[in-house]
Amino acid sequence: MKICFVCQANICRSFVAQQLLQHLLTQNKKPNIEIISRGIYTSPAYAVPDKIKNFLAQKQILPQAHTPVLLSKQDLAQSDLVLVMTQEQWDFVFNQAPQFTDKYHLLAEYALGQEQDIEDPISLTGKAFDRVMTQLEKAVLEVYRKITRPDTAL
């Protein structure tokens, strides 16, 4: 199984989701699931913000160096599940490869049953930042529960 998280620049939401889910899978010895993250508008020159690194460190997750990766049609074709953060990103992904629509989901809708975007935390601070990161963490935990349930298909 291969899961792809998608956000704008692949330095905040999708990267955090990848790290959180990979951490859960590793802790619980679920090695047969590959997790990737991608951005729809990104550059290898972009850097993960310190507040994202600090958030992950608080969760005892110390990620390796990260170079943002631009989403490709190959990523969409090879992934079993593509989880995007916003409706705008879902539309972008759909326009890139409409033949794989059944794989595409808003993360909050897939995980939490909420038809809403997960806001970009890049410019947020304080409680607003914490709120978005808590929402993202809850969604990733639910994704973990869904994909590791023996009777659940994607």
C-alpha atoms as a PDB file:
ATOM      1  CA  MET A   1       0.000   0.000   0.000  1.00  0.00           C
ATOM      2  CA  LYS A   2       1.235   3.485  -0.850  1.00  0.00           C
ATOM      3  CA  ILE A   3      -0.227   6.728   0.532  1.00  0.00           C
ATOM      4  CA  CYS A   4       0.584  10.190  -0.790  1.00  0.00           C
ATOM      5  CA  PHE A   5      -0.118  13.344   1.231  1.00  0.00           C
ATOM      6  CA  VAL A   6      -0.355  16.519  -0.850  1.00  0.00           C
ATOM      7  CA  CYS A   7      -0.240  20.182   0.108  1.00  0.00           C
ATOM      8  CA  GLN A   8       0.966  23.417  -1.435  1.00  0.00           C
ATOM      9  CA  ALA A   9       4.736  23.407  -0.944  1.00  0.00           C
ATOM     10  CA  ASN A  10       5.500  20.083   0.795  1.00  0.00           C
ATOM     11  CA  ILE A  11       7.115  21.792   3.778  1.00  0.00           C
ATOM     12  CA  CYS A  12       4.255  21.962   6.294  1.00  0.00           C
ATOM     13  CA  ARG A  13       1.029  19.936   6.146  1.00  0.00           C
ATOM     14  CA  SER A  14       1.918  17.078   3.817  1.00  0.00           C
ATOM     15  CA  PHE A  15       5.391  16.744   5.337  1.00  0.00           C
ATOM     16  CA  VAL A  16       3.990  16.691   8.889  1.00  0.00           C
ATOM     17  CA  ALA A  17       1.297  14.182   7.909  1.00  0.00           C
ATOM     18  CA  GLN A  18       3.931  11.933   6.342  1.00  0.00           C
ATOM     19  CA  GLN A  19       6.144  12.148   9.414  1.00  0.00           C
ATOM     20  CA  LEU A  20       3.296  11.536  11.877  1.00  0.00           C
ATOM     21  CA  LEU A  21       1.909   8.558   9.980  1.00  0.00           C
ATOM     22  CA  GLN A  22       5.346   7.052   9.380  1.00  0.00           C
ATOM     23  CA  HIS A  23       6.064   7.400  13.100  1.00  0.00           C
ATOM     24  CA  LEU A  24       2.825   5.605  14.026  1.00  0.00           C
ATOM     25  CA  LEU A  25       3.492   2.820  11.523  1.00  0.00           C
ATOM     26  CA  THR A  26       7.065   2.344  12.730  1.00  0.00           C
ATOM     27  CA  GLN A  27       6.075   2.347  16.413  1.00  0.00           C
ATOM     28  CA  ASN A  28       3.413  -0.260  15.754  1.00  0.00           C
ATOM     29  CA  LYS A  29       5.521  -2.391  13.416  1.00  0.00           C
ATOM     30  CA  LYS A  30       3.455  -1.922  10.253  1.00  0.00           C
ATOM     31  CA  PRO A  31       6.229  -1.971   7.630  1.00  0.00           C
ATOM     32  CA  ASN A  32       4.226  -2.709   4.477  1.00  0.00           C
ATOM     33  CA  ILE A  33       2.820   0.779   3.992  1.00  0.00           C
ATOM     34  CA  GLU A  34       4.806   3.394   2.086  1.00  0.00           C
ATOM     35  CA  ILE A  35       4.121   7.039   2.899  1.00  0.00           C
ATOM     36  CA  ILE A  36       5.188   9.918   0.666  1.00  0.00           C
ATOM     37  CA  SER A  37       4.441  13.627   0.646  1.00  0.00           C
ATOM     38  CA  ARG A  38       4.369  16.030  -2.250  1.00  0.00           C
ATOM     39  CA  GLY A  39       3.601  19.648  -3.093  1.00  0.00           C
ATOM     40  CA  ILE A  40       1.702  21.072  -6.036  1.00  0.00           C
ATOM     41  CA  TYR A  41       3.778  24.282  -6.199  1.00  0.00           C
ATOM     42  CA  THR A  42       7.170  23.761  -4.646  1.00  0.00           C
ATOM     43  CA  SER A  43      10.889  24.051  -5.101  1.00  0.00           C
ATOM     44  CA  PRO A  44      13.813  22.074  -3.703  1.00  0.00           C
ATOM     45  CA  ALA A  45      15.039  25.413  -2.329  1.00  0.00           C
ATOM     46  CA  TYR A  46      12.117  25.651   0.119  1.00  0.00           C
ATOM     47  CA  ALA A  47      12.927  24.762   3.711  1.00  0.00           C
ATOM     48  CA  VAL A  48      10.816  23.225   6.456  1.00  0.00           C
ATOM     49  CA  PRO A  49      10.007  26.066   8.893  1.00  0.00           C
ATOM     50  CA  ASP A  50      11.461  25.854  12.397  1.00  0.00           C
ATOM     51  CA  LYS A  51       7.988  25.836  13.947  1.00  0.00           C
ATOM     52  CA  ILE A  52       7.206  22.645  11.989  1.00  0.00           C
ATOM     53  CA  LYS A  53      10.467  21.045  13.139  1.00  0.00           C
ATOM     54  CA  ASN A  54       9.651  22.088  16.720  1.00  0.00           C
ATOM     55  CA  PHE A  55       6.139  20.632  16.464  1.00  0.00           C
ATOM     56  CA  LEU A  56       7.553  17.300  15.306  1.00  0.00           C
ATOM     57  CA  ALA A  57      10.249  17.355  17.989  1.00  0.00           C
ATOM     58  CA  GLN A  58       7.524  17.767  20.632  1.00  0.00           C
ATOM     59  CA  LYS A  59       6.096  14.493  19.308  1.00  0.00           C
ATOM     60  CA  GLN A  60       9.524  12.830  19.583  1.00  0.00           C
ATOM     61  CA  ILE A  61       9.832  12.809  15.805  1.00  0.00           C
ATOM     62  CA  LEU A  62      13.193  13.927  14.483  1.00  0.00           C
ATOM     63  CA  PRO A  63      12.885  13.847  10.695  1.00  0.00           C
ATOM     64  CA  GLN A  64      15.806  13.492   8.363  1.00  0.00           C
ATOM     65  CA  ALA A  65      16.667  16.426   6.117  1.00  0.00           C
ATOM     66  CA  HIS A  66      13.752  17.088   3.791  1.00  0.00           C
ATOM     67  CA  THR A  67      13.796  18.336   0.227  1.00  0.00           C
ATOM     68  CA  PRO A  68      10.325  19.279  -1.035  1.00  0.00           C
ATOM     69  CA  VAL A  69       9.144  17.230  -3.990  1.00  0.00           C
ATOM     70  CA  LEU A  70       6.772  18.347  -6.724  1.00  0.00           C
ATOM     71  CA  LEU A  71       3.766  16.074  -7.254  1.00  0.00           C
ATOM     72  CA  SER A  72       3.970  14.070 -10.480  1.00  0.00           C
ATOM     73  CA  LYS A  73       1.474  12.049 -12.475  1.00  0.00           C
ATOM     74  CA  GLN A  74       3.596   9.019 -11.630  1.00  0.00           C
ATOM     75  CA  ASP A  75       3.002   9.680  -7.901  1.00  0.00           C
ATOM     76  CA  LEU A  76      -0.737   9.743  -8.559  1.00  0.00           C
ATOM     77  CA  ALA A  77      -0.627   6.564 -10.637  1.00  0.00           C
ATOM     78  CA  GLN A  78       1.485   4.628  -8.125  1.00  0.00           C
ATOM     79  CA  SER A  79      -0.341   5.690  -4.944  1.00  0.00           C
ATOM     80  CA  ASP A  80      -3.289   3.741  -3.592  1.00  0.00           C
ATOM     81  CA  LEU A  81      -4.569   6.732  -1.622  1.00  0.00           C
ATOM     82  CA  VAL A  82      -3.962  10.445  -2.259  1.00  0.00           C
ATOM     83  CA  LEU A  83      -4.904  12.750   0.617  1.00  0.00           C
ATOM     84  CA  VAL A  84      -4.994  16.483  -0.094  1.00  0.00           C
ATOM     85  CA  MET A  85      -5.421  19.324   2.368  1.00  0.00           C
ATOM     86  CA  THR A  86      -7.785  21.616   0.420  1.00  0.00           C
ATOM     87  CA  GLN A  87     -10.469  21.533  -2.233  1.00  0.00           C
ATOM     88  CA  GLU A  88      -8.206  23.645  -4.444  1.00  0.00           C
ATOM     89  CA  GLN A  89      -5.543  20.945  -4.235  1.00  0.00           C
ATOM     90  CA  TRP A  90      -8.122  18.231  -4.954  1.00  0.00           C
ATOM     91  CA  ASP A  91      -9.128  20.146  -8.097  1.00  0.00           C
ATOM     92  CA  PHE A  92      -5.477  20.473  -9.127  1.00  0.00           C
ATOM     93  CA  VAL A  93      -4.840  16.748  -8.636  1.00  0.00           C
ATOM     94  CA  PHE A  94      -8.025  15.862 -10.515  1.00  0.00           C
ATOM     95  CA  ASN A  95      -6.982  18.043 -13.448  1.00  0.00           C
ATOM     96  CA  GLN A  96      -3.574  16.354 -13.550  1.00  0.00           C
ATOM     97  CA  ALA A  97      -4.925  12.806 -13.698  1.00  0.00           C
ATOM     98  CA  PRO A  98      -8.730  12.470 -13.710  1.00  0.00           C
ATOM     99  CA  GLN A  99      -8.498   8.728 -14.317  1.00  0.00           C
ATOM    100  CA  PHE A 100      -7.481   8.188 -10.681  1.00  0.00           C
ATOM    101  CA  THR A 101     -10.314  10.167  -9.055  1.00  0.00           C
ATOM    102  CA  ASP A 102     -11.325   7.279  -6.810  1.00  0.00           C
ATOM    103  CA  LYS A 103      -7.955   7.599  -5.002  1.00  0.00           C
ATOM    104  CA  TYR A 104      -8.333  11.331  -4.204  1.00  0.00           C
ATOM    105  CA  HIS A 105      -9.748  12.557  -0.910  1.00  0.00           C
ATOM    106  CA  LEU A 106      -9.702  15.647   1.235  1.00  0.00           C
ATOM    107  CA  LEU A 107      -7.801  14.557   4.330  1.00  0.00           C
ATOM    108  CA  ALA A 108     -10.362  15.960   6.800  1.00  0.00           C
ATOM    109  CA  GLU A 109     -13.227  14.311   4.925  1.00  0.00           C
ATOM    110  CA  TYR A 110     -11.521  10.930   4.580  1.00  0.00           C
ATOM    111  CA  ALA A 111     -10.308  10.818   8.170  1.00  0.00           C
ATOM    112  CA  LEU A 112     -12.814  12.847  10.163  1.00  0.00           C
ATOM    113  CA  GLY A 113     -15.913  12.954   7.978  1.00  0.00           C
ATOM    114  CA  GLN A 114     -15.619  16.752   7.771  1.00  0.00           C
ATOM    115  CA  GLU A 115     -15.911  18.459   4.397  1.00  0.00           C
ATOM    116  CA  GLN A 116     -13.374  21.143   5.164  1.00  0.00           C
ATOM    117  CA  ASP A 117      -9.897  22.232   4.268  1.00  0.00           C
ATOM    118  CA  ILE A 118      -6.933  21.911   6.566  1.00  0.00           C
ATOM    119  CA  GLU A 119      -5.579  25.442   6.614  1.00  0.00           C
ATOM    120  CA  ASP A 120      -1.971  26.194   5.722  1.00  0.00           C
ATOM    121  CA  PRO A 121      -0.137  26.880   9.009  1.00  0.00           C
ATOM    122  CA  ILE A 122       2.849  28.582   7.389  1.00  0.00           C
ATOM    123  CA  SER A 123       1.761  32.096   8.398  1.00  0.00           C
ATOM    124  CA  LEU A 124      -0.019  31.161  11.630  1.00  0.00           C
ATOM    125  CA  THR A 125       1.262  31.535  15.173  1.00  0.00           C
ATOM    126  CA  GLY A 126       0.091  30.772  18.694  1.00  0.00           C
ATOM    127  CA  LYS A 127      -3.353  29.238  19.151  1.00  0.00           C
ATOM    128  CA  ALA A 128      -4.198  29.424  15.441  1.00  0.00           C
ATOM    129  CA  PHE A 129      -1.097  27.374  14.599  1.00  0.00           C
ATOM    130  CA  ASP A 130      -1.849  24.924  17.420  1.00  0.00           C
ATOM    131  CA  ARG A 131      -5.457  24.510  16.231  1.00  0.00           C
ATOM    132  CA  VAL A 132      -4.385  23.583  12.694  1.00  0.00           C
ATOM    133  CA  MET A 133      -1.686  21.214  13.878  1.00  0.00           C
ATOM    134  CA  THR A 134      -4.116  19.514  16.285  1.00  0.00           C
ATOM    135  CA  GLN A 135      -6.613  19.067  13.438  1.00  0.00           C
ATOM    136  CA  LEU A 136      -3.873  17.617  11.231  1.00  0.00           C
ATOM    137  CA  GLU A 137      -2.664  15.271  13.961  1.00  0.00           C
ATOM    138  CA  LYS A 138      -6.210  13.999  14.657  1.00  0.00           C
ATOM    139  CA  ALA A 139      -6.770  13.397  10.963  1.00  0.00           C
ATOM    140  CA  VAL A 140      -3.528  11.443  10.612  1.00  0.00           C
ATOM    141  CA  LEU A 141      -4.384   9.308  13.632  1.00  0.00           C
ATOM    142  CA  GLU A 142      -7.725   8.445  12.029  1.00  0.00           C
ATOM    143  CA  VAL A 143      -6.000   7.600   8.746  1.00  0.00           C
ATOM    144  CA  TYR A 144      -3.724   5.273  10.701  1.00  0.00           C
ATOM    145  CA  ARG A 145      -6.726   3.600  12.329  1.00  0.00           C
ATOM    146  CA  LYS A 146      -8.471   3.183   8.972  1.00  0.00           C
ATOM    147  CA  ILE A 147      -5.548   1.738   7.075  1.00  0.00           C
ATOM    148  CA  THR A 148      -4.499  -0.667   9.803  1.00  0.00           C
ATOM    149  CA  ARG A 149      -7.964  -2.060  10.493  1.00  0.00           C
ATOM    150  CA  PRO A 150      -7.926  -5.601   9.086  1.00  0.00           C
ATOM    151  CA  ASP A 151     -11.396  -5.345   7.565  1.00  0.00           C
ATOM    152  CA  THR A 152     -10.964  -1.940   5.924  1.00  0.00           C
ATOM    153  CA  ALA A 153     -10.172  -1.421   2.279  1.00  0.00           C
ATOM    154  CA  LEU A 154      -9.028   1.948   0.986  1.00  0.00           C
END
